[in-house]
Amino acid sequence: MSKCLKVLFLSYYFPPAPFIGCVRTWSIAKGLSRLGYEVTVVTPQPDTWLNADNPPKVVEDCKKEGIKLLYTKHYLPQLIPGSVKSRRDFIGKVWSKVCREIAKKQHKDPYIGWYRAVEEACAHIKPEEVDVILATGSPFFSYDLAKKLSVH
């Protein structure tokens, strides 16, 4: 009997996030699961998004398809205006602008707040629990993160 391969799928954009890229990542996860892979998707928790599309249905669909979800936090949401929740009043908007300018001057990826969150969420995963790490971008540092996670 062959062993089921375990896939850790790093996907910033995954349902219920309201973006077209989620169609691709959902299809990949579902397809791998249907082919017999044990898929765990690492993605920001649904309350990260401004307009999440029916989070309970996504959880139900993932269970139905045999896909595990490992939700992460999202630090520095103010670096990504308009898609993730952050303070929306005048002070919040000014703070967000200041943070984006500082990050830009330091050549920091605006999604950097997810990097640390993924590391924290995956810290408990043992090497024998993962056969393959699959990453999708953007953010493109997901590939570097996959490589980093693979050597532990």
Protein backbone atom coordinates (compact mmCIF):
# COMPACT_ATOMS: atom_id res chain seq x y z
CA MET A 1 0.00 0.00 0.00
CA SER A 2 1.43 3.38 -0.98
CA LYS A 3 1.80 6.19 1.51
CA CYS A 4 -0.34 9.30 1.10
CA LEU A 5 1.89 12.32 0.47
CA LYS A 6 1.37 15.21 2.88
CA VAL A 7 1.36 18.66 1.26
CA LEU A 8 1.79 21.90 3.17
CA PHE A 9 0.35 24.58 0.87
CA LEU A 10 1.36 28.19 1.65
CA SER A 11 -1.34 30.37 0.14
CA TYR A 12 -1.90 33.97 1.13
CA TYR A 13 -4.89 34.17 -1.20
CA PHE A 14 -7.35 31.42 -0.42
CA PRO A 15 -11.12 31.46 0.11
CA PRO A 16 -12.88 33.24 1.74
CA ALA A 17 -10.64 36.12 0.62
CA PRO A 18 -12.50 37.98 -2.13
CA PHE A 19 -9.86 37.78 -4.88
CA ILE A 20 -9.71 35.98 -8.23
CA GLY A 21 -6.43 34.29 -7.20
CA CYS A 22 -8.45 32.32 -4.66
CA VAL A 23 -10.12 30.40 -7.48
CA ARG A 24 -6.69 29.10 -8.55
CA THR A 25 -5.51 28.19 -5.06
CA TRP A 26 -8.83 26.52 -4.16
CA SER A 27 -8.67 24.49 -7.39
CA ILE A 28 -5.09 23.39 -6.69
CA ALA A 29 -5.88 22.34 -3.10
CA LYS A 30 -9.07 20.55 -4.13
CA GLY A 31 -7.36 18.82 -7.07
CA LEU A 32 -4.47 17.58 -4.94
CA SER A 33 -6.86 16.31 -2.28
CA ARG A 34 -8.94 14.47 -4.88
CA LEU A 35 -5.75 12.86 -6.22
CA GLY A 36 -5.13 11.42 -2.76
CA TYR A 37 -2.74 13.95 -1.26
CA GLU A 38 -3.22 15.04 2.35
CA VAL A 39 -3.43 18.83 1.95
CA THR A 40 -2.98 21.42 4.68
CA VAL A 41 -3.44 25.02 3.54
CA VAL A 42 -1.65 27.75 5.50
CA THR A 43 -3.55 31.01 4.97
CA PRO A 44 -4.62 34.14 6.87
CA GLN A 45 -7.66 33.70 9.12
CA PRO A 46 -10.95 34.81 7.52
CA ASP A 47 -11.37 37.86 9.76
CA THR A 48 -8.22 39.29 8.14
CA TRP A 49 -10.17 40.25 5.00
CA LEU A 50 -12.42 43.27 4.60
CA ASN A 51 -15.00 41.37 2.56
CA ALA A 52 -14.57 37.69 3.33
CA ASP A 53 -16.96 35.55 1.29
CA ASN A 54 -18.89 33.20 3.62
CA PRO A 55 -16.14 31.75 5.87
CA PRO A 56 -18.34 28.98 7.36
CA LYS A 57 -19.05 27.62 3.88
CA VAL A 58 -15.33 27.58 3.07
CA VAL A 59 -14.61 25.56 6.23
CA GLU A 60 -17.44 23.17 5.32
CA ASP A 61 -16.20 22.82 1.72
CA CYS A 62 -12.65 22.15 2.91
CA LYS A 63 -13.84 19.45 5.31
CA LYS A 64 -15.89 17.89 2.51
CA GLU A 65 -12.82 17.84 0.25
CA GLY A 66 -10.49 16.58 3.00
CA ILE A 67 -8.47 19.82 3.10
CA LYS A 68 -7.10 20.95 6.45
CA LEU A 69 -6.84 24.66 7.19
CA LEU A 70 -4.08 26.16 9.28
CA TYR A 71 -5.05 29.76 9.85
CA THR A 72 -2.46 32.42 10.60
CA LYS A 73 -2.52 35.89 12.04
CA HIS A 74 -1.60 38.87 9.89
CA TYR A 75 0.76 41.42 11.36
CA LEU A 76 1.10 44.92 9.89
CA PRO A 77 -2.22 44.98 8.03
CA GLN A 78 -1.80 48.72 7.52
CA LEU A 79 0.78 47.96 4.81
CA ILE A 80 -1.94 46.53 2.55
CA PRO A 81 -4.75 49.10 2.35
CA GLY A 82 -8.10 48.19 0.91
CA SER A 83 -7.97 44.40 1.25
CA VAL A 84 -7.22 43.55 4.87
CA LYS A 85 -8.83 44.94 7.98
CA SER A 86 -7.02 47.75 9.70
CA ARG A 87 -8.05 50.90 11.47
CA ARG A 88 -10.18 52.94 9.02
CA ASP A 89 -10.58 56.29 10.83
CA PHE A 90 -8.44 59.37 10.07
CA ILE A 91 -5.68 58.40 12.53
CA GLY A 92 -5.64 54.85 11.17
CA LYS A 93 -5.35 56.06 7.59
CA VAL A 94 -2.51 58.45 8.46
CA TRP A 95 -0.70 55.73 10.43
CA SER A 96 -1.18 53.31 7.53
CA LYS A 97 0.32 55.82 5.08
CA VAL A 98 3.30 56.47 7.36
CA CYS A 99 3.91 52.71 7.76
CA ARG A 100 3.72 52.14 3.99
CA GLU A 101 6.21 54.95 3.33
CA ILE A 102 8.67 53.59 5.90
CA ALA A 103 8.35 50.07 4.47
CA LYS A 104 8.80 51.39 0.94
CA LYS A 105 11.97 53.31 1.88
CA GLN A 106 13.36 50.18 3.54
CA HIS A 107 12.42 48.05 0.50
CA LYS A 108 10.15 45.85 2.60
CA ASP A 109 7.50 43.71 0.98
CA PRO A 110 4.06 45.01 2.05
CA TYR A 111 3.04 41.44 2.88
CA ILE A 112 5.89 41.06 5.38
CA GLY A 113 3.35 40.90 8.22
CA TRP A 114 2.29 37.48 6.99
CA TYR A 115 5.84 36.07 6.95
CA ARG A 116 6.24 35.98 10.73
CA ALA A 117 2.67 34.75 11.15
CA VAL A 118 3.37 31.72 8.91
CA GLU A 119 6.56 30.93 10.81
CA GLU A 120 4.61 31.00 14.08
CA ALA A 121 1.76 28.89 12.70
CA CYS A 122 4.14 26.28 11.28
CA ALA A 123 6.53 26.15 14.26
CA HIS A 124 4.81 23.09 15.71
CA ILE A 125 4.94 21.07 12.47
CA LYS A 126 7.49 18.26 12.56
CA PRO A 127 9.47 17.32 9.41
CA GLU A 128 7.82 13.87 9.26
CA GLU A 129 4.40 15.56 9.06
CA VAL A 130 5.18 17.12 5.65
CA ASP A 131 6.43 15.51 2.44
CA VAL A 132 6.04 18.48 0.11
CA ILE A 133 5.81 22.22 0.68
CA LEU A 134 3.95 24.02 -2.08
CA ALA A 135 3.94 27.81 -2.21
CA THR A 136 2.01 30.18 -4.39
CA GLY A 137 2.58 33.89 -4.93
CA SER A 138 1.95 36.64 -4.47
CA PRO A 139 3.39 37.42 -2.05
CA PHE A 140 6.49 36.07 -3.70
CA PHE A 141 8.42 35.68 -0.45
CA SER A 142 6.19 32.63 0.04
CA TYR A 143 8.76 30.72 -2.02
CA ASP A 144 11.60 31.77 0.29
CA LEU A 145 9.45 30.89 3.26
CA ALA A 146 8.74 27.42 1.81
CA LYS A 147 12.47 26.87 1.37
CA LYS A 148 13.15 28.00 4.94
CA LEU A 149 10.44 25.72 6.33
CA SER A 150 11.75 22.78 4.30
CA VAL A 151 15.15 22.76 5.98
CA HIS A 152 13.78 22.40 9.51
